[in-house]
Amino acid sequence: MKYLLLPLAAAILTGCANLSTSQPGSRLDGSGYPVEVCAPRYAGVAASCQLSGAGSKQVWRANLISDGKLYIGGALRVGSDGKIEATGCQVANDDAVVVDCPGALLSAGLINLHEHIDYSYQQPPQPPKLTWQHRHEWRKLLPAERGFEGDAPKDPQARTEVSERAMLRHALSGTTALAGAKDYRVFLRNLKLVDGQLATPAGKPVTDNTFPLNDARSMQWPLAPCTREQLAQIKFDPAHPYVPHVGEGTNDGARHEIDCVLDAIRDKASPSAFIHAVAVAGPQLQRLAEQKVAVVASPRSNFQLYGRTAPLAEFKQAGVNIALGTDWSPSGSLTELDEARCLARYNRDSLQSLFSGADIHRMMTENAAAAVGLQGQLGKLAVGEQADFVLFDTEARPSLGAVLEHSALRQTLAVFIGGRAASLPSSWAGKLPQLEHCMADPRDLCGQQRTICGAHPQRNLAQLLQQATYTIDDAKICQPQPTNDCVLR
């Protein structure tokens, strides 16, 4: 990957001819997205970026996924308000910093709808050897018995610092929005927050609930369908997106949970999405579709804890919207990209490649946005949306699917939220809009020099990197993690 700074005259964008609307000859297959070739030289090469010009706006030129199409050598214009003004083969480049990146892929930022941020500070060396039929079975065990630590740090300061370190890990690897981040406001959008640059753009918080049936202390799953009294105990704000953990397991109790929560939200008009939904079966599939309830799949954690994951093929057939989430580091993925690779492995091994590369990309972007009512604001890099995006080095790979399969931190060149940098090459620092509280990453992870922005004003990057309770080596996210644990057990 090369970064160059050029004078304005050397980087004026030329108009791009509409050479083809089909994939053959593009040198970068859309893996299910339709392809429009604007400038063929942008595909089939490793990324090399040039910055030039000045102004209050930005123009990005790369292989661009925008509004359901892959543009080879496409362009995206970002306004001074951090929203997308234009996309396609050609956009105006007046009053703009121009970032011209042949060989790069510009995607909507990844949206992770399932994370327990204050638990994601350590990872066992091996997956658990046991499997369970319901989460309450392993929750009752000591860490040594179940094979992993399952508690947040008791010290409030340590809990805050490990949470912010975990948010940094996600932001560096392309995630721009996160559910399950408590009240922390650093590095990426926290969809629970309603104000400021690092909040949901909708003004309505995404409410996640790990125990919608209020069974955290009793650790007793329902033994029969819920009564009217039990349904009344399921609390949510009918006006806000609701993302509860439901059906986490394989037994009848997990299946009863699904019907209980579906009954409770029957008349709810705002979006809902069920996390896990492993136990969904039979008529529940149609109920999910009819009530327009999405599912947030976490296949790696499901395989490790329960030996199987949600019925994804049946969800697709029923028309249920599927998004992705990492769950937590004890049994889940360290990054959203790794979670997508886990799904891709299962898709290839057990689902006969039912889902295309574009399908899996949508689960991390536009599907996730729609699951929590953020369509039109995030997820597609369409005109009028927030400019939340990630820039990947394609390394001359031939398809979107191959790019996703091989992309990790090393290939993640820059991450922007609302048109402002959360992570970018240090040579670009100060030349593009940035989030506040920036600092060069002293670790030079993956042998690259990055500037990271969005830290808490009272806890800078250097302080977070000295946190002792967080024991994950972030160098692990420089390359894709193995997927040999992403199989049925």
Foldseek 3Di string as FASTA:
>chain_A
DAEEEDEPVVDADDFFDQPDQQQPPLLAAALPFTETERDSQLFLAWKHKYKYDAALKAKEWHQEFFPRHTYHRKMWIAGNQQFTADIGNDDDQPRYIYIYIRQKYKFFFFEAEAEQLQQFQDAFPDFFPDADQAPLVVVPDDCVVRVHDGDGDPDPVLSLLSSQVLLCLALLWGHAEYENSPPDFFLHAYQQDQDDLRYAPPNAHAAEAACQQPCPPVSDFDPDADDPVSLVSRDDDLVFEYEYAALLGADVSRVSRLVSVLVSCVPRDFFYEYEFQQHDDDCSLLSCLVSQYAYAWFLQLSCRHHLGGHPVVSNVVNVHQYAYHQNHNHRGDSYLLLSLLLVQVCCVPPVVVPDTLVNSLQNRFVSVCVNGVNPQATGRSYGNHRPWIWMFRQNSDRYSSSSSNKRFSQGTAWTDGSQATQKHAPVCPPVGHHAAQKDWDPVCQPVGIMIGHGDDPVAHPVNSVPSDSRDDDSSVRSTHDDNPSSHGD
